[in-house]
Amino acid sequence: MKSLIIILFFTLSVILLFFIKNTYKPNENSTVKTINKKSSLIKCELKNEIIDMKNLDSERQCYYDCGKDDIVRVDTSISYPCQNYIMENR
């Protein structure tokens, strides 16, 4: 009788530890998934520069050529000149 109680106690202890372990274990099958995308820096050369004194928000418009059919526009103030190139994260 005594050995039966000891075996029952150990069995219940193991079951209890198993449930505690699964409760505090982080959920590996979460609904939020991280997508690993590799990004690279692309050098974009200055293609065109337009100065418009009428529009105070974007007086200087810099157009950069980043590749085939990919043009990036950067609006700056007249006091900041266009850079020769920019590095775009793609």
N, C-alpha and C. Protein backbone atom coordinates (compact mmCIF):
# COMPACT_ATOMS: atom_id res chain seq x y z
N MET A 1 0.83 -1.19 0.00
CA MET A 1 0.00 0.00 0.00
C MET A 1 0.88 1.27 0.00
N LYS A 2 1.93 1.22 0.76
CA LYS A 2 2.83 2.35 0.86
C LYS A 2 3.53 2.62 -0.47
N SER A 3 3.94 1.57 -1.17
CA SER A 3 4.61 1.73 -2.46
C SER A 3 3.63 2.25 -3.52
N LEU A 4 2.38 1.90 -3.44
CA LEU A 4 1.38 2.39 -4.37
C LEU A 4 1.19 3.89 -4.21
N ILE A 5 1.20 4.38 -3.01
CA ILE A 5 1.06 5.81 -2.75
C ILE A 5 2.29 6.56 -3.26
N ILE A 6 3.47 6.01 -3.09
CA ILE A 6 4.70 6.64 -3.57
C ILE A 6 4.71 6.69 -5.11
N ILE A 7 4.33 5.60 -5.77
CA ILE A 7 4.27 5.57 -7.24
C ILE A 7 3.24 6.56 -7.75
N LEU A 8 2.09 6.63 -7.10
CA LEU A 8 1.04 7.58 -7.49
C LEU A 8 1.52 9.02 -7.31
N PHE A 9 2.23 9.28 -6.23
CA PHE A 9 2.78 10.61 -5.98
C PHE A 9 3.77 11.02 -7.07
N PHE A 10 4.70 10.14 -7.44
CA PHE A 10 5.67 10.44 -8.48
C PHE A 10 5.01 10.62 -9.85
N THR A 11 4.02 9.80 -10.13
CA THR A 11 3.31 9.93 -11.40
C THR A 11 2.60 11.27 -11.49
N LEU A 12 1.92 11.66 -10.45
CA LEU A 12 1.23 12.95 -10.45
C LEU A 12 2.23 14.11 -10.50
N SER A 13 3.38 13.95 -9.88
CA SER A 13 4.41 15.00 -9.92
C SER A 13 4.95 15.18 -11.34
N VAL A 14 5.17 14.08 -12.03
CA VAL A 14 5.68 14.15 -13.40
C VAL A 14 4.63 14.80 -14.31
N ILE A 15 3.39 14.43 -14.14
CA ILE A 15 2.31 15.03 -14.95
C ILE A 15 2.20 16.52 -14.66
N LEU A 16 2.28 16.90 -13.41
CA LEU A 16 2.22 18.31 -13.04
C LEU A 16 3.40 19.10 -13.62
N LEU A 17 4.58 18.55 -13.57
CA LEU A 17 5.75 19.22 -14.15
C LEU A 17 5.62 19.35 -15.67
N PHE A 18 5.06 18.33 -16.30
CA PHE A 18 4.85 18.39 -17.74
C PHE A 18 3.91 19.54 -18.12
N PHE A 19 2.82 19.70 -17.39
CA PHE A 19 1.87 20.78 -17.67
C PHE A 19 2.47 22.15 -17.37
N ILE A 20 3.24 22.25 -16.33
CA ILE A 20 3.89 23.53 -16.00
C ILE A 20 4.90 23.90 -17.08
N LYS A 21 5.65 22.92 -17.55
CA LYS A 21 6.65 23.17 -18.59
C LYS A 21 5.98 23.65 -19.87
N ASN A 22 4.87 23.04 -20.27
CA ASN A 22 4.18 23.44 -21.50
C ASN A 22 3.47 24.78 -21.34
N THR A 23 3.08 25.14 -20.15
CA THR A 23 2.40 26.41 -19.92
C THR A 23 3.37 27.58 -20.07
N TYR A 24 4.56 27.46 -19.54
CA TYR A 24 5.54 28.54 -19.57
C TYR A 24 6.46 28.51 -20.78
N LYS A 25 6.29 27.53 -21.65
CA LYS A 25 7.09 27.44 -22.87
C LYS A 25 6.53 28.43 -23.89
N PRO A 26 7.37 29.24 -24.54
CA PRO A 26 6.86 30.18 -25.53
C PRO A 26 6.22 29.43 -26.70
N ASN A 27 5.17 30.00 -27.23
CA ASN A 27 4.44 29.37 -28.31
C ASN A 27 5.24 29.48 -29.60
N GLU A 28 5.66 28.34 -30.14
CA GLU A 28 6.47 28.33 -31.35
C GLU A 28 5.61 28.52 -32.60
N ASN A 29 4.34 28.21 -32.52
CA ASN A 29 3.45 28.34 -33.66
C ASN A 29 2.60 29.59 -33.51
N SER A 30 3.23 30.71 -33.31
CA SER A 30 2.50 31.95 -33.13
C SER A 30 1.95 32.44 -34.46
N THR A 31 0.97 33.32 -34.39
CA THR A 31 0.35 33.83 -35.60
C THR A 31 1.20 34.90 -36.26
N VAL A 32 2.10 35.50 -35.51
CA VAL A 32 2.99 36.52 -36.08
C VAL A 32 4.24 35.82 -36.60
N LYS A 33 4.51 36.00 -37.87
CA LYS A 33 5.68 35.37 -38.46
C LYS A 33 6.63 36.44 -38.96
N THR A 34 7.90 36.23 -38.75
CA THR A 34 8.92 37.16 -39.21
C THR A 34 9.39 36.71 -40.58
N ILE A 35 9.36 37.63 -41.52
CA ILE A 35 9.82 37.32 -42.86
C ILE A 35 11.23 37.89 -43.00
N ASN A 36 12.16 37.01 -43.27
CA ASN A 36 13.55 37.44 -43.42
C ASN A 36 13.76 37.84 -44.88
N LYS A 37 13.88 39.12 -45.08
CA LYS A 37 14.15 39.63 -46.41
C LYS A 37 15.56 40.21 -46.42
N LYS A 38 16.28 39.85 -47.42
CA LYS A 38 17.62 40.41 -47.55
C LYS A 38 17.50 41.73 -48.30
N SER A 39 18.11 42.74 -47.75
CA SER A 39 18.09 44.05 -48.40
C SER A 39 19.52 44.43 -48.77
N SER A 40 19.60 45.27 -49.77
CA SER A 40 20.92 45.71 -50.19
C SER A 40 20.86 47.20 -50.52
N LEU A 41 21.99 47.83 -50.46
CA LEU A 41 22.10 49.24 -50.79
C LEU A 41 22.43 49.38 -52.28
N ILE A 42 21.66 50.24 -52.94
CA ILE A 42 21.86 50.49 -54.36
C ILE A 42 22.28 51.94 -54.53
N LYS A 43 23.31 52.15 -55.32
CA LYS A 43 23.80 53.50 -55.57
C LYS A 43 22.97 54.11 -56.70
N CYS A 44 22.35 55.26 -56.41
CA CYS A 44 21.52 55.96 -57.38
C CYS A 44 22.22 57.25 -57.79
N GLU A 45 22.44 57.41 -59.07
CA GLU A 45 23.14 58.57 -59.61
C GLU A 45 22.16 59.72 -59.87
N LEU A 46 22.62 60.95 -59.68
CA LEU A 46 21.81 62.13 -59.95
C LEU A 46 21.51 62.21 -61.44
N LYS A 47 20.22 62.30 -61.78
CA LYS A 47 19.81 62.36 -63.18
C LYS A 47 19.36 63.76 -63.59
N ASN A 48 18.57 64.41 -62.72
CA ASN A 48 18.03 65.71 -63.07
C ASN A 48 17.81 66.52 -61.80
N GLU A 49 17.87 67.83 -61.95
CA GLU A 49 17.64 68.74 -60.82
C GLU A 49 16.75 69.88 -61.30
N ILE A 50 15.63 70.08 -60.60
CA ILE A 50 14.69 71.13 -60.97
C ILE A 50 14.56 72.09 -59.80
N ILE A 51 14.71 73.38 -60.07
CA ILE A 51 14.56 74.41 -59.04
C ILE A 51 13.29 75.19 -59.34
N ASP A 52 12.36 75.19 -58.36
CA ASP A 52 11.08 75.86 -58.52
C ASP A 52 10.92 76.83 -57.35
N MET A 53 11.05 78.11 -57.63
CA MET A 53 10.97 79.12 -56.56
C MET A 53 9.54 79.40 -56.12
N LYS A 54 8.54 78.93 -56.86
CA LYS A 54 7.14 79.17 -56.50
C LYS A 54 6.70 78.29 -55.33
N ASN A 55 7.20 77.08 -55.27
CA ASN A 55 6.80 76.13 -54.24
C ASN A 55 7.83 76.16 -53.11
N LEU A 56 7.46 76.70 -51.95
CA LEU A 56 8.43 76.85 -50.85
C LEU A 56 8.73 75.54 -50.14
N ASP A 57 7.81 74.57 -50.20
CA ASP A 57 8.04 73.29 -49.51
C ASP A 57 9.09 72.45 -50.23
N SER A 58 9.06 72.47 -51.52
CA SER A 58 10.02 71.66 -52.29
C SER A 58 10.60 72.51 -53.41
N GLU A 59 11.44 73.44 -53.05
CA GLU A 59 12.01 74.35 -54.04
C GLU A 59 12.98 73.63 -54.97
N ARG A 60 13.69 72.65 -54.44
CA ARG A 60 14.66 71.92 -55.25
C ARG A 60 14.22 70.45 -55.31
N GLN A 61 14.05 69.95 -56.52
CA GLN A 61 13.67 68.55 -56.72
C GLN A 61 14.85 67.83 -57.38
N CYS A 62 15.33 66.80 -56.71
CA CYS A 62 16.46 66.02 -57.21
C CYS A 62 15.93 64.67 -57.69
N TYR A 63 16.24 64.30 -58.90
CA TYR A 63 15.82 63.02 -59.47
C TYR A 63 17.04 62.13 -59.61
N TYR A 64 16.94 60.91 -59.03
CA TYR A 64 18.05 59.96 -59.04
C TYR A 64 17.65 58.71 -59.82
N ASP A 65 18.57 58.23 -60.65
CA ASP A 65 18.35 57.03 -61.44
C ASP A 65 18.95 55.84 -60.68
N CYS A 66 18.07 54.90 -60.28
CA CYS A 66 18.52 53.75 -59.48
C CYS A 66 18.55 52.46 -60.28
N GLY A 67 18.35 52.54 -61.54
CA GLY A 67 18.37 51.33 -62.36
C GLY A 67 17.33 51.45 -63.46
N LYS A 68 17.02 50.32 -64.06
CA LYS A 68 16.09 50.29 -65.18
C LYS A 68 14.69 50.69 -64.70
N ASP A 69 14.17 51.79 -65.22
CA ASP A 69 12.82 52.31 -64.92
C ASP A 69 12.60 52.55 -63.44
N ASP A 70 13.61 52.94 -62.72
CA ASP A 70 13.49 53.20 -61.28
C ASP A 70 14.10 54.56 -60.99
N ILE A 71 13.24 55.57 -60.82
CA ILE A 71 13.69 56.93 -60.56
C ILE A 71 13.16 57.37 -59.20
N VAL A 72 14.03 57.91 -58.37
CA VAL A 72 13.67 58.36 -57.03
C VAL A 72 13.72 59.88 -57.02
N ARG A 73 12.67 60.49 -56.44
CA ARG A 73 12.61 61.95 -56.34
C ARG A 73 12.83 62.35 -54.88
N VAL A 74 13.70 63.33 -54.67
CA VAL A 74 13.98 63.85 -53.34
C VAL A 74 13.73 65.35 -53.37
N ASP A 75 12.83 65.82 -52.50
CA ASP A 75 12.52 67.25 -52.41
C ASP A 75 13.31 67.85 -51.27
N THR A 76 13.99 68.95 -51.56
CA THR A 76 14.77 69.64 -50.53
C THR A 76 14.55 71.13 -50.63
N SER A 77 15.05 71.83 -49.66
CA SER A 77 15.02 73.28 -49.68
C SER A 77 16.08 73.79 -50.64
N ILE A 78 15.95 75.01 -51.03
CA ILE A 78 16.90 75.60 -51.98
C ILE A 78 18.30 75.72 -51.37
N SER A 79 18.37 75.77 -50.07
CA SER A 79 19.67 75.93 -49.41
C SER A 79 20.48 74.62 -49.39
N TYR A 80 19.84 73.48 -49.67
CA TYR A 80 20.55 72.19 -49.69
C TYR A 80 20.71 71.72 -51.13
N PRO A 81 21.91 71.66 -51.65
CA PRO A 81 22.11 71.21 -53.03
C PRO A 81 21.91 69.70 -53.16
N CYS A 82 21.64 69.27 -54.38
CA CYS A 82 21.49 67.83 -54.64
C CYS A 82 22.85 67.15 -54.53
N GLN A 83 22.86 65.97 -53.98
CA GLN A 83 24.09 65.19 -53.90
C GLN A 83 24.33 64.51 -55.23
N ASN A 84 25.57 64.12 -55.49
CA ASN A 84 25.88 63.44 -56.74
C ASN A 84 25.24 62.06 -56.82
N TYR A 85 25.08 61.41 -55.67
CA TYR A 85 24.44 60.10 -55.62
C TYR A 85 23.84 59.89 -54.24
N ILE A 86 22.91 58.97 -54.14
CA ILE A 86 22.34 58.55 -52.85
C ILE A 86 22.38 57.03 -52.79
N MET A 87 22.31 56.49 -51.60
CA MET A 87 22.27 55.03 -51.41
C MET A 87 20.86 54.67 -50.95
N GLU A 88 20.16 53.88 -51.76
CA GLU A 88 18.80 53.44 -51.45
C GLU A 88 18.82 52.03 -50.92
N ASN A 89 18.03 51.78 -49.89
CA ASN A 89 17.92 50.44 -49.31
C ASN A 89 16.78 49.70 -50.03
N ARG A 90 17.12 48.67 -50.76
CA ARG A 90 16.12 47.90 -51.51
C ARG A 90 16.16 46.46 -51.13
